Amino acid sequence: MDDELPLLQELRSYPWETFGAVLVGEAENGEEALALCRNRAPDVVVTDITMPLMDGLTLFREIKLRHPETQVILLTCHSDFAYAREALRLGALEYLVKVTLDEADMGRALDKARQALEKERSYRRQASRERRREQALGLAALLKGQPDMAATADLGPFARISAEEPAALTFPMRFACLQVDAAPDDLLFVREDLQELLEPLEAQHGFTGLWVGESACVLLPPPGLAEARLRSKLEAALGRLRELVETRLTFYSREVRLSVILSEPVDDCAALAAAWRTAKLWRLARFYEAEGTGKAAADEHAGGEGAAARGGPATPTVPRASLYTGRPLPFARRTDRIDADFRALMQPAAASSSARAALLREALPRWCARQRLLPDDLRSLVAEWYVAHASEPLRASAGDTARRILAAETLSGLVSVLVHAFEREAGTPETSGRREVRETILYIREHLADPLTVTLLARHVGLSSRYLSRLFREESGESINEHITRLRMQQALRLLSTTNLKVYEIAERVGIPSYRYFTALFREHYGMAPTDCRGG
């Protein structure tokens, strides 16, 4: 901004793109400049000190008051040095002498502005995240039914609780819980990546996200949204977040799965804590995702995903859905009677290999869905049975199979571990099995450095993601993500032993762009840091 036409023309003709900048507007006096800042929010303002209506120093003060992140570069002549020094004292970024101004001077000033902007934004991000951590602690106390511990906690748009009025929340209210399923050792890294992806979505959809633990982010919706509008916003945000996870977080050792649980409206702190306990139950309910019966199975063989049903408070939601509401079906605890029923059910599998396939793929899932044991109880029951009944050829690997059973994320995953173990006993050669699985393995080997997702692989072989995942586990004994990770770690070990590539270069070559995550994953697999594998 300058009132001298020749200088304005000179600034207008500057090669701004060369310096990584774009000219967004110009003004002939300070008042026009302030209006331009209000409408265009520029990162940098270049202004003369001497202008009509509002001089450069006054403009600078107004900009810093109203737009504190905007950086100001002052143009001055020799006689203005006193003003320039005052502006620098007040926080102006730089001043340049008009009569000697050249492109190099402007380039250096813009580089300085860029550094200042990044430093300021980094500080603001850090301050914002620190404030969110404090808010999350207060929210966690409320969700655990401890409102007194949340006294004086700042919960931002959610509420502000005071010691005098600890229940001063805006009721009725509701929340949504974003549940994250990933490998336990990955969760901290996944949470950091998800937070980066969530921030722009929060601004777009009007939510505020507060992490309660490493695997749950409580999404606080704007108040007063009608039910249909709230659901629409949640589904849109979850859909976009899933797209971002699918394209950017492809390198984790286990697939990152997301779902949202929407609470019912609650009227007090006790009801809020109860709603949180219900939300946590849906993590257990998702273990029983149905994949092998009825329409879902037909859709999956055809390459589709089946229909996701949604329920309300009175009708529990089918766990295949992305958005859950109401309460899940209740769970049962393990008892002596249930143990006896299970042993009777599995007796043909222990005695006859011919009866195993139908029993494991049909009768066992139906029995499990009907009993609906707590997932940990079911996993321990199946693992104990397998170790006790493993035949001689399988006895050496029974412990490893039991560990896989105990780590199964879903009922179908648990069944797949058993199927693979018994197929190994029957001597099924590795080269047999479904063509789609063989093609998947070949594609993975040929594209190990590329972003690999279950969706991409399923599309390549013409199956649905769920159906391919189940087939792959049954035939290989490991999930697709586990297989990819194992190959990547083997390739990384070879590169570390045979090349002089830097560790971050090796990480990129094996398809893991996060150096921190690569190092942690390598240490988990081999019990040492990547640098410890170097010779000499």
Protein backbone atom coordinates (compact mmCIF):
# COMPACT_ATOMS: atom_id res chain seq x y z
CA MET A 1 0.00 0.00 0.00
CA ASP A 2 1.46 3.32 -1.00
CA ASP A 3 0.19 6.71 -2.11
CA GLU A 4 2.99 7.24 -4.63
CA LEU A 5 1.78 5.94 -8.00
CA PRO A 6 5.23 5.01 -9.44
CA LEU A 7 6.04 2.90 -6.38
CA LEU A 8 2.61 1.24 -6.52
CA GLN A 9 3.24 0.39 -10.14
CA GLU A 10 6.65 -1.00 -9.25
CA LEU A 11 5.20 -3.18 -6.50
CA ARG A 12 2.39 -4.29 -8.80
CA SER A 13 4.92 -5.48 -11.38
CA TYR A 14 7.11 -7.33 -8.85
CA PRO A 15 7.64 -11.06 -9.67
CA TRP A 16 5.83 -12.14 -6.47
CA GLU A 17 5.48 -15.76 -7.63
CA THR A 18 9.29 -15.98 -7.75
CA PHE A 19 9.27 -15.43 -3.99
CA GLY A 20 6.43 -17.89 -3.38
CA ALA A 21 3.88 -15.09 -2.88
CA VAL A 22 0.65 -13.94 -4.55
CA LEU A 23 -0.51 -10.30 -4.78
CA VAL A 24 -4.08 -10.29 -3.40
CA GLY A 25 -4.83 -6.54 -3.53
CA GLU A 26 -3.61 -2.97 -3.27
CA ALA A 27 -4.74 0.26 -1.61
CA GLU A 28 -3.86 3.93 -1.93
CA ASN A 29 -4.26 4.88 1.73
CA GLY A 30 -4.36 3.35 5.20
CA GLU A 31 -8.14 3.16 5.49
CA GLU A 32 -8.43 1.25 2.22
CA ALA A 33 -5.60 -0.99 3.37
CA LEU A 34 -7.38 -1.82 6.64
CA ALA A 35 -10.58 -2.66 4.76
CA LEU A 36 -8.55 -4.88 2.43
CA CYS A 37 -7.06 -6.72 5.40
CA ARG A 38 -10.52 -7.28 6.83
CA ASN A 39 -11.82 -8.74 3.55
CA ARG A 40 -8.78 -10.65 2.24
CA ALA A 41 -6.80 -11.55 5.41
CA PRO A 42 -3.32 -11.32 3.80
CA ASP A 43 -0.30 -13.01 5.39
CA VAL A 44 1.95 -10.02 4.63
CA VAL A 45 1.28 -6.29 4.18
CA VAL A 46 3.87 -4.07 2.45
CA THR A 47 3.12 -0.44 3.28
CA ASP A 48 4.67 3.01 3.13
CA ILE A 49 5.01 4.89 6.41
CA THR A 50 3.82 8.18 4.89
CA MET A 51 0.24 7.96 3.58
CA PRO A 52 -2.89 10.13 3.63
CA LEU A 53 -5.87 9.52 5.94
CA MET A 54 -3.97 6.96 8.02
CA ASP A 55 -0.20 6.82 8.21
CA GLY A 56 1.80 3.61 8.15
CA LEU A 57 2.41 3.44 11.90
CA THR A 58 -1.29 3.83 12.70
CA LEU A 59 -2.12 1.23 10.06
CA PHE A 60 0.46 -1.09 11.60
CA ARG A 61 -1.07 -0.73 15.07
CA GLU A 62 -4.57 -1.38 13.73
CA ILE A 63 -3.44 -4.45 11.78
CA LYS A 64 -1.72 -5.94 14.82
CA LEU A 65 -4.79 -5.26 16.93
CA ARG A 66 -7.27 -6.82 14.51
CA HIS A 67 -5.09 -9.33 12.60
CA PRO A 68 -2.21 -10.27 14.91
CA GLU A 69 -0.81 -12.98 12.61
CA THR A 70 -0.35 -10.61 9.65
CA GLN A 71 3.28 -9.58 9.10
CA VAL A 72 4.04 -5.96 8.13
CA ILE A 73 6.96 -4.80 5.97
CA LEU A 74 7.46 -1.03 6.04
CA LEU A 75 8.74 1.07 3.16
CA THR A 76 10.49 4.26 4.20
CA CYS A 77 12.73 7.03 2.95
CA HIS A 78 15.87 8.25 4.81
CA SER A 79 13.94 10.91 6.71
CA ASP A 80 11.54 8.31 8.14
CA PHE A 81 14.15 6.30 10.06
CA ALA A 82 12.80 7.44 13.44
CA TYR A 83 9.34 6.15 12.50
CA ALA A 84 10.80 2.92 11.18
CA ARG A 85 12.71 2.26 14.41
CA GLU A 86 9.52 2.88 16.40
CA ALA A 87 7.62 0.42 14.18
CA LEU A 88 10.29 -2.23 14.66
CA ARG A 89 10.14 -1.67 18.40
CA LEU A 90 6.39 -2.28 18.27
CA GLY A 91 6.83 -5.51 16.32
CA ALA A 92 6.99 -4.68 12.62
CA LEU A 93 8.78 -7.39 10.68
CA GLU A 94 11.18 -5.31 8.54
CA TYR A 95 11.68 -1.94 6.92
CA LEU A 96 13.07 -1.30 3.44
CA VAL A 97 14.41 1.96 1.99
CA LYS A 98 12.39 2.89 -1.07
CA VAL A 99 15.17 4.54 -3.06
CA THR A 100 17.43 1.47 -2.87
CA LEU A 101 14.72 -1.19 -2.95
CA ASP A 102 15.47 -4.16 -5.21
CA GLU A 103 14.11 -7.68 -5.72
CA ALA A 104 16.72 -9.31 -3.49
CA ASP A 105 15.75 -7.05 -0.57
CA MET A 106 12.09 -7.91 -1.01
CA GLY A 107 12.88 -11.62 -1.33
CA ARG A 108 14.81 -11.62 1.95
CA ALA A 109 12.00 -9.72 3.68
CA LEU A 110 9.40 -12.20 2.40
CA ASP A 111 11.53 -15.15 3.56
CA LYS A 112 11.71 -13.53 6.98
CA ALA A 113 7.93 -13.07 6.92
CA ARG A 114 7.43 -16.70 5.96
CA GLN A 115 9.57 -17.88 8.87
CA ALA A 116 7.76 -15.57 11.28
CA LEU A 117 4.37 -16.81 10.06
CA GLU A 118 5.35 -20.45 10.46
CA LYS A 119 6.76 -19.81 13.91
CA GLU A 120 3.59 -17.98 14.98
CA ARG A 121 1.33 -20.68 13.55
CA SER A 122 3.37 -23.43 15.17
CA TYR A 123 3.09 -21.62 18.50
CA ARG A 124 -0.66 -21.21 18.08
CA ARG A 125 -1.09 -24.89 17.13
CA GLN A 126 0.90 -25.94 20.17
CA ALA A 127 -1.07 -23.61 22.44
CA SER A 128 -4.36 -24.86 20.97
CA ARG A 129 -3.38 -28.50 21.47
CA GLU A 130 -2.26 -27.83 25.02
CA ARG A 131 -5.60 -26.18 25.76
CA ARG A 132 -7.39 -29.16 24.23
CA ARG A 133 -5.43 -31.53 26.42
CA GLU A 134 -6.58 -29.60 29.47
CA GLN A 135 -10.15 -29.62 28.19
CA ALA A 136 -9.94 -33.37 27.55
CA LEU A 137 -8.88 -34.00 31.16
CA GLY A 138 -11.94 -32.14 32.41
CA LEU A 139 -14.21 -33.95 29.95
CA ALA A 140 -12.73 -37.34 30.94
CA ALA A 141 -13.59 -36.61 34.59
CA LEU A 142 -17.18 -35.84 33.61
CA LEU A 143 -17.51 -38.96 31.49
CA LYS A 144 -16.23 -41.07 34.37
CA GLY A 145 -18.89 -39.59 36.65
CA GLN A 146 -16.52 -37.32 38.58
CA PRO A 147 -17.91 -33.78 38.12
CA ASP A 148 -16.09 -32.48 41.20
CA MET A 149 -12.75 -33.34 39.59
CA ALA A 150 -13.81 -31.32 36.55
CA ALA A 151 -14.39 -28.18 38.64
CA THR A 152 -12.86 -25.06 37.01
CA ALA A 153 -12.04 -27.12 33.90
CA ASP A 154 -12.33 -25.21 30.64
CA LEU A 155 -14.27 -27.34 28.18
CA GLY A 156 -14.40 -24.73 25.45
CA PRO A 157 -17.67 -24.83 23.50
CA PHE A 158 -18.87 -27.82 25.55
CA ALA A 159 -19.24 -26.11 28.92
CA ARG A 160 -17.41 -24.24 31.62
CA ILE A 161 -17.69 -25.76 35.06
CA SER A 162 -17.08 -23.76 38.21
CA ALA A 163 -16.38 -24.91 41.75
CA GLU A 164 -19.61 -23.25 42.90
CA GLU A 165 -21.71 -24.85 40.17
CA PRO A 166 -19.99 -28.07 39.04
CA ALA A 167 -22.98 -29.21 36.98
CA ALA A 168 -23.25 -25.98 34.99
CA LEU A 169 -23.53 -27.78 31.66
CA THR A 170 -25.98 -26.91 28.97
CA PHE A 171 -28.57 -29.68 29.18
CA PRO A 172 -30.07 -31.48 27.39
CA MET A 173 -26.98 -32.26 25.33
CA ARG A 174 -25.36 -35.12 23.45
CA PHE A 175 -21.97 -36.12 22.13
CA ALA A 176 -20.49 -38.35 19.44
CA CYS A 177 -17.58 -40.68 20.09
CA LEU A 178 -15.11 -41.41 17.29
CA GLN A 179 -13.74 -44.89 18.08
CA VAL A 180 -10.38 -45.86 16.57
CA ASP A 181 -9.37 -49.49 16.08
CA ALA A 182 -5.70 -50.08 15.36
CA ALA A 183 -2.82 -52.18 16.65
CA PRO A 184 -2.16 -51.25 20.32
CA ASP A 185 1.45 -50.29 19.56
CA ASP A 186 0.26 -48.06 16.69
CA LEU A 187 -2.40 -46.11 18.56
CA LEU A 188 -0.23 -43.22 19.73
CA PHE A 189 1.06 -42.61 16.20
CA VAL A 190 -2.42 -43.07 14.69
CA ARG A 191 -3.90 -40.57 17.12
CA GLU A 192 -1.34 -37.91 16.14
CA ASP A 193 -2.01 -38.48 12.44
CA LEU A 194 -5.78 -38.47 12.94
CA GLN A 195 -5.62 -35.19 14.84
CA GLU A 196 -3.92 -33.59 11.83
CA LEU A 197 -6.70 -34.91 9.58
CA LEU A 198 -9.48 -33.94 11.99
CA GLU A 199 -8.63 -30.27 12.44
CA PRO A 200 -9.83 -29.01 9.03
CA LEU A 201 -12.91 -31.25 9.24
CA GLU A 202 -13.83 -29.79 12.62
CA ALA A 203 -13.88 -26.30 11.16
CA GLN A 204 -15.89 -27.47 8.14
CA HIS A 205 -18.54 -29.40 10.08
CA GLY A 206 -18.63 -27.36 13.29
CA PHE A 207 -17.42 -30.04 15.72
CA THR A 208 -14.80 -29.84 18.43
CA GLY A 209 -12.80 -33.01 19.08
CA LEU A 210 -11.31 -33.88 22.46
CA TRP A 211 -9.29 -37.09 22.87
CA VAL A 212 -10.19 -39.22 25.87
CA GLY A 213 -7.46 -41.86 25.89
CA GLU A 214 -5.60 -42.92 22.76
CA SER A 215 -8.47 -44.65 20.95
CA ALA A 216 -11.51 -42.39 21.45
CA CYS A 217 -12.11 -38.82 20.34
CA VAL A 218 -15.25 -37.19 21.71
CA LEU A 219 -16.83 -34.98 19.05
CA LEU A 220 -18.84 -32.14 20.54
CA PRO A 221 -21.46 -30.94 18.05
CA PRO A 222 -22.72 -27.37 17.87
CA PRO A 223 -25.82 -26.99 20.08
CA GLY A 224 -29.33 -26.97 18.71
CA LEU A 225 -28.83 -29.18 15.64
CA ALA A 226 -31.88 -31.13 14.59
CA GLU A 227 -31.51 -34.93 14.61
CA ALA A 228 -31.40 -35.34 10.83
CA ARG A 229 -28.92 -32.51 10.41
CA LEU A 230 -26.68 -33.83 13.19
CA ARG A 231 -26.60 -37.31 11.66
CA SER A 232 -25.90 -35.88 8.23
CA LYS A 233 -22.95 -33.85 9.54
CA LEU A 234 -21.53 -36.82 11.44
CA GLU A 235 -21.78 -39.15 8.46
CA ALA A 236 -20.22 -36.57 6.13
CA ALA A 237 -17.33 -35.95 8.53
CA LEU A 238 -16.77 -39.68 9.11
CA GLY A 239 -16.91 -40.40 5.38
CA ARG A 240 -14.33 -37.74 4.59
CA LEU A 241 -12.11 -38.83 7.46
CA ARG A 242 -12.21 -42.41 6.20
CA GLU A 243 -11.20 -41.23 2.73
CA LEU A 244 -8.23 -39.39 4.21
CA VAL A 245 -7.23 -42.41 6.30
CA GLU A 246 -7.53 -44.64 3.22
CA THR A 247 -5.22 -42.44 1.16
CA ARG A 248 -2.74 -41.17 3.77
CA LEU A 249 -2.47 -43.72 6.58
CA THR A 250 -1.75 -46.81 4.50
CA PHE A 251 1.45 -47.89 6.22
CA TYR A 252 0.27 -49.02 9.66
CA SER A 253 0.77 -52.62 10.74
CA ARG A 254 -2.97 -53.14 11.12
CA GLU A 255 -5.87 -51.54 9.30
CA VAL A 256 -7.11 -48.35 10.97
CA ARG A 257 -10.88 -48.66 11.39
CA LEU A 258 -13.17 -45.83 12.43
CA SER A 259 -16.74 -45.67 13.69
CA VAL A 260 -18.91 -43.10 15.44
CA ILE A 261 -21.29 -43.68 18.35
CA LEU A 262 -23.92 -40.96 18.81
CA SER A 263 -25.25 -40.66 22.35
CA GLU A 264 -28.85 -40.06 23.21
CA PRO A 265 -29.71 -36.61 24.67
CA VAL A 266 -28.75 -36.50 28.35
CA ASP A 267 -30.10 -34.26 31.10
CA ASP A 268 -27.44 -34.34 33.82
CA CYS A 269 -23.87 -35.41 34.63
CA ALA A 270 -24.94 -38.88 35.76
CA ALA A 271 -26.72 -39.52 32.46
CA LEU A 272 -23.65 -38.20 30.62
CA ALA A 273 -21.41 -40.76 32.36
CA ALA A 274 -23.92 -43.53 31.60
CA ALA A 275 -23.98 -42.53 27.92
CA TRP A 276 -20.19 -42.77 27.85
CA ARG A 277 -20.28 -46.29 29.31
CA THR A 278 -22.76 -47.28 26.61
CA ALA A 279 -20.54 -45.81 23.90
CA LYS A 280 -17.62 -47.89 25.15
CA LEU A 281 -19.75 -51.06 24.83
CA TRP A 282 -19.94 -50.60 21.07
CA ARG A 283 -16.21 -51.35 20.81
CA LEU A 284 -16.98 -54.81 22.17
CA ALA A 285 -20.10 -55.17 20.01
CA ARG A 286 -18.12 -54.62 16.82
CA PHE A 287 -16.33 -57.94 17.49
CA TYR A 288 -19.52 -59.66 16.34
CA GLU A 289 -19.72 -57.99 12.92
CA ALA A 290 -21.63 -60.46 10.77
CA GLU A 291 -19.85 -61.33 7.53
CA GLY A 292 -20.88 -64.82 6.61
CA THR A 293 -24.66 -65.09 6.50
CA GLY A 294 -27.63 -63.90 4.50
CA LYS A 295 -27.52 -60.85 2.29
CA ALA A 296 -24.12 -59.70 3.58
CA ALA A 297 -22.45 -62.86 2.28
CA ALA A 298 -24.16 -62.60 -1.10
CA ASP A 299 -23.12 -58.95 -1.42
CA GLU A 300 -19.54 -59.72 -0.51
CA HIS A 301 -19.16 -62.53 -3.05
CA ALA A 302 -20.48 -60.09 -5.65
CA GLY A 303 -17.98 -57.46 -4.63
CA GLY A 304 -20.42 -55.36 -2.58
CA GLU A 305 -20.45 -54.42 1.07
CA GLY A 306 -24.04 -55.20 2.06
CA ALA A 307 -26.48 -52.85 3.70
CA ALA A 308 -25.65 -51.06 6.93
CA ALA A 309 -28.70 -50.83 9.16
CA ARG A 310 -29.24 -48.14 11.73
CA GLY A 311 -31.38 -48.34 14.82
CA GLY A 312 -32.67 -46.02 17.51
CA PRO A 313 -32.85 -46.09 21.27
CA ALA A 314 -35.35 -48.95 21.39
CA THR A 315 -33.78 -51.04 18.60
CA PRO A 316 -30.05 -51.76 18.86
CA THR A 317 -28.05 -50.80 15.79
CA VAL A 318 -26.55 -53.55 13.63
CA PRO A 319 -22.79 -53.39 14.29
CA ARG A 320 -21.91 -53.31 10.55
CA ALA A 321 -23.06 -49.68 10.44
CA SER A 322 -20.69 -46.73 10.57
CA LEU A 323 -22.88 -44.67 12.88
CA TYR A 324 -24.17 -46.44 16.00
CA THR A 325 -26.97 -45.29 18.29
CA GLY A 326 -28.86 -46.81 21.19
CA ARG A 327 -27.47 -49.69 23.24
CA PRO A 328 -25.81 -52.79 21.80
CA LEU A 329 -27.21 -56.20 22.57
CA PRO A 330 -26.11 -57.40 26.04
CA PHE A 331 -23.11 -59.67 26.56
CA ALA A 332 -22.84 -62.87 28.57
CA ARG A 333 -20.02 -63.95 30.86
CA ARG A 334 -18.28 -67.28 30.55
CA THR A 335 -19.72 -70.05 32.80
CA ASP A 336 -19.14 -73.77 33.31
CA ARG A 337 -22.32 -74.51 31.37
CA ILE A 338 -21.17 -72.43 28.41
CA ASP A 339 -17.75 -74.12 28.50
CA ALA A 340 -19.46 -77.53 28.40
CA ASP A 341 -21.72 -76.46 25.50
CA PHE A 342 -18.69 -75.25 23.58
CA ARG A 343 -16.77 -78.50 24.08
CA ALA A 344 -19.80 -80.47 22.88
CA LEU A 345 -20.12 -78.23 19.83
CA MET A 346 -16.45 -78.62 18.91
CA GLN A 347 -16.19 -82.37 19.54
CA PRO A 348 -16.64 -83.28 15.84
CA ALA A 349 -13.83 -80.88 14.90
CA ALA A 350 -11.44 -82.60 17.27
CA ALA A 351 -12.39 -86.06 16.04
CA SER A 352 -12.96 -85.70 12.30
CA SER A 353 -11.30 -83.45 9.74
CA SER A 354 -14.20 -84.02 7.31
CA ALA A 355 -16.63 -82.28 9.69
CA ARG A 356 -14.39 -79.32 10.44
CA ALA A 357 -15.03 -76.98 7.51
CA ALA A 358 -18.81 -76.75 7.95
CA LEU A 359 -18.50 -76.62 11.73
CA LEU A 360 -15.93 -73.82 11.79
CA ARG A 361 -17.50 -71.71 9.04
CA GLU A 362 -21.17 -72.18 9.92
CA ALA A 363 -22.02 -73.80 13.25
CA LEU A 364 -19.30 -72.06 15.29
CA PRO A 365 -20.15 -68.47 14.18
CA ARG A 366 -23.86 -69.12 14.78
CA TRP A 367 -23.17 -70.49 18.29
CA CYS A 368 -20.93 -67.52 19.13
CA ALA A 369 -23.47 -64.99 17.89
CA ARG A 370 -26.20 -66.68 19.90
CA GLN A 371 -24.19 -66.89 23.14
CA ARG A 372 -22.70 -63.41 22.67
CA LEU A 373 -19.91 -63.83 25.19
CA LEU A 374 -17.73 -60.91 26.07
CA PRO A 375 -15.03 -61.00 23.36
CA ASP A 376 -12.18 -61.62 25.82
CA ASP A 377 -14.12 -64.53 27.35
CA LEU A 378 -14.79 -66.05 23.93
CA ARG A 379 -11.20 -65.64 22.77
CA SER A 380 -9.83 -67.30 25.92
CA LEU A 381 -12.36 -70.15 25.65
CA VAL A 382 -11.41 -70.89 22.02
CA ALA A 383 -7.66 -70.56 22.68
CA GLU A 384 -7.80 -72.96 25.63
CA TRP A 385 -9.79 -75.49 23.59
CA TYR A 386 -7.36 -75.29 20.68
CA VAL A 387 -4.25 -75.82 22.81
CA ALA A 388 -5.91 -78.80 24.52
CA HIS A 389 -7.03 -80.44 21.25
CA ALA A 390 -4.26 -79.55 18.80
CA SER A 391 -3.04 -82.69 17.09
CA GLU A 392 0.60 -83.76 17.08
CA PRO A 393 1.51 -81.95 13.82
CA LEU A 394 0.18 -78.68 15.27
CA ARG A 395 1.41 -78.99 18.83
CA ALA A 396 4.68 -77.13 18.22
CA SER A 397 2.85 -74.09 16.83
CA ALA A 398 -0.17 -74.29 19.15
CA GLY A 399 1.09 -71.45 21.32
CA ASP A 400 1.49 -69.13 18.32
CA THR A 401 -2.00 -70.00 17.07
CA ALA A 402 -3.43 -69.38 20.54
CA ARG A 403 -1.82 -65.93 20.59
CA ARG A 404 -3.44 -65.18 17.23
CA ILE A 405 -6.80 -66.28 18.57
CA LEU A 406 -6.41 -64.01 21.61
CA ALA A 407 -5.53 -61.08 19.30
CA ALA A 408 -8.47 -61.61 16.89
CA GLU A 409 -10.30 -58.32 16.26
CA THR A 410 -13.56 -59.87 15.05
CA LEU A 411 -15.40 -63.17 15.20
CA SER A 412 -14.64 -63.81 11.53
CA GLY A 413 -10.94 -63.16 12.21
CA LEU A 414 -10.99 -65.68 15.07
CA VAL A 415 -12.65 -68.30 12.87
CA SER A 416 -10.09 -67.63 10.12
CA VAL A 417 -7.22 -68.37 12.50
CA LEU A 418 -8.77 -71.75 13.36
CA VAL A 419 -9.48 -72.59 9.72
CA HIS A 420 -5.90 -71.83 8.71
CA ALA A 421 -4.46 -73.85 11.58
CA PHE A 422 -6.47 -76.97 10.69
CA GLU A 423 -5.76 -76.57 6.97
CA ARG A 424 -2.07 -76.55 7.85
CA GLU A 425 -2.61 -79.81 9.74
CA ALA A 426 -4.25 -81.31 6.65
CA GLY A 427 -1.11 -80.41 4.66
CA THR A 428 -2.74 -77.91 2.31
CA PRO A 429 0.17 -76.60 0.19
CA GLU A 430 0.81 -72.87 0.25
CA THR A 431 0.48 -72.62 -3.52
CA SER A 432 -3.11 -73.89 -3.46
CA GLY A 433 -6.16 -71.88 -2.51
CA ARG A 434 -8.01 -69.03 -4.08
CA ARG A 435 -6.62 -67.33 -7.15
CA GLU A 436 -7.54 -63.95 -5.66
CA VAL A 437 -5.31 -64.54 -2.63
CA ARG A 438 -2.35 -65.57 -4.81
CA GLU A 439 -2.85 -62.48 -6.99
CA THR A 440 -3.04 -60.29 -3.89
CA ILE A 441 0.26 -61.64 -2.56
CA LEU A 442 1.95 -61.12 -5.94
CA TYR A 443 0.63 -57.56 -6.21
CA ILE A 444 1.88 -56.74 -2.71
CA ARG A 445 5.38 -58.02 -3.53
CA GLU A 446 5.53 -55.99 -6.74
CA HIS A 447 4.24 -52.75 -5.14
CA LEU A 448 5.73 -52.91 -1.66
CA ALA A 449 6.97 -49.29 -1.74
CA ASP A 450 3.56 -47.95 -2.83
CA PRO A 451 0.61 -47.03 -0.63
CA LEU A 452 -1.25 -50.33 -0.20
CA THR A 453 -4.77 -50.60 1.17
CA VAL A 454 -7.23 -53.46 1.48
CA THR A 455 -9.64 -51.52 -0.72
CA LEU A 456 -7.04 -51.14 -3.48
CA LEU A 457 -6.11 -54.84 -3.34
CA ALA A 458 -9.76 -55.94 -3.29
CA ARG A 459 -10.48 -53.79 -6.33
CA HIS A 460 -7.47 -55.33 -8.09
CA VAL A 461 -8.76 -58.90 -7.63
CA GLY A 462 -12.48 -58.10 -7.99
CA LEU A 463 -13.73 -58.88 -4.47
CA SER A 464 -15.13 -56.79 -1.64
CA SER A 465 -12.70 -55.62 1.02
CA ARG A 466 -14.33 -57.69 3.76
CA TYR A 467 -14.49 -60.88 1.73
CA LEU A 468 -10.86 -60.62 0.56
CA SER A 469 -9.72 -59.91 4.13
CA ARG A 470 -11.46 -63.04 5.37
CA LEU A 471 -10.14 -65.25 2.57
CA PHE A 472 -6.61 -63.94 2.98
CA ARG A 473 -6.54 -64.64 6.71
CA GLU A 474 -8.00 -68.12 6.27
CA GLU A 475 -5.42 -69.08 3.65
CA SER A 476 -2.34 -67.30 5.00
CA GLY A 477 -2.96 -67.23 8.74
CA GLU A 478 -2.33 -63.49 8.93
CA SER A 479 -4.20 -60.34 7.95
CA ILE A 480 -3.35 -58.42 4.79
CA ASN A 481 -1.82 -55.61 6.81
CA GLU A 482 0.26 -58.05 8.87
CA HIS A 483 1.53 -59.66 5.67
CA ILE A 484 2.46 -56.28 4.15
CA THR A 485 4.23 -55.18 7.34
CA ARG A 486 6.18 -58.43 7.59
CA LEU A 487 7.44 -58.10 4.00
CA ARG A 488 8.33 -54.45 4.53
CA MET A 489 10.35 -55.21 7.64
CA GLN A 490 12.19 -58.04 5.83
CA GLN A 491 12.99 -55.72 2.93
CA ALA A 492 14.13 -52.98 5.32
CA LEU A 493 16.48 -55.42 7.06
CA ARG A 494 18.00 -56.41 3.70
CA LEU A 495 18.51 -52.77 2.68
CA LEU A 496 20.08 -51.92 6.03
CA SER A 497 22.50 -54.83 5.65
CA THR A 498 23.42 -54.35 2.00
CA THR A 499 23.22 -50.61 1.24
CA ASN A 500 24.42 -47.27 2.59
CA LEU A 501 20.99 -45.69 2.32
CA LYS A 502 19.95 -43.49 5.23
CA VAL A 503 17.29 -44.92 7.53
CA TYR A 504 14.63 -42.44 6.40
CA GLU A 505 15.40 -43.34 2.75
CA ILE A 506 14.93 -47.03 3.53
CA ALA A 507 11.67 -46.25 5.32
CA GLU A 508 10.38 -44.51 2.21
CA ARG A 509 11.58 -47.33 -0.06
CA VAL A 510 9.54 -49.88 1.87
CA GLY A 511 6.41 -47.73 1.87
CA ILE A 512 6.54 -46.21 5.38
CA PRO A 513 6.87 -42.42 5.06
CA SER A 514 6.91 -41.79 8.82
CA TYR A 515 10.48 -42.12 10.11
CA ARG A 516 9.34 -42.23 13.74
CA TYR A 517 6.81 -44.97 13.08
CA PHE A 518 9.25 -46.97 10.94
CA THR A 519 11.83 -46.91 13.72
CA ALA A 520 9.31 -48.03 16.35
CA LEU A 521 7.94 -50.79 14.11
CA PHE A 522 11.42 -52.07 13.23
CA ARG A 523 12.37 -52.19 16.91
CA GLU A 524 9.15 -54.09 17.69
CA HIS A 525 9.92 -56.69 14.99
CA TYR A 526 13.64 -57.20 15.52
CA GLY A 527 14.26 -55.98 19.06
CA MET A 528 16.79 -53.36 17.95
CA ALA A 529 16.95 -49.96 16.30
CA PRO A 530 17.52 -49.84 12.52
CA THR A 531 20.94 -48.24 13.03
CA ASP A 532 22.03 -51.25 15.12
CA CYS A 533 21.77 -53.44 12.00
CA ARG A 534 24.52 -51.60 10.16
CA GLY A 535 27.76 -53.52 9.75
CA GLY A 536 31.06 -52.25 11.22
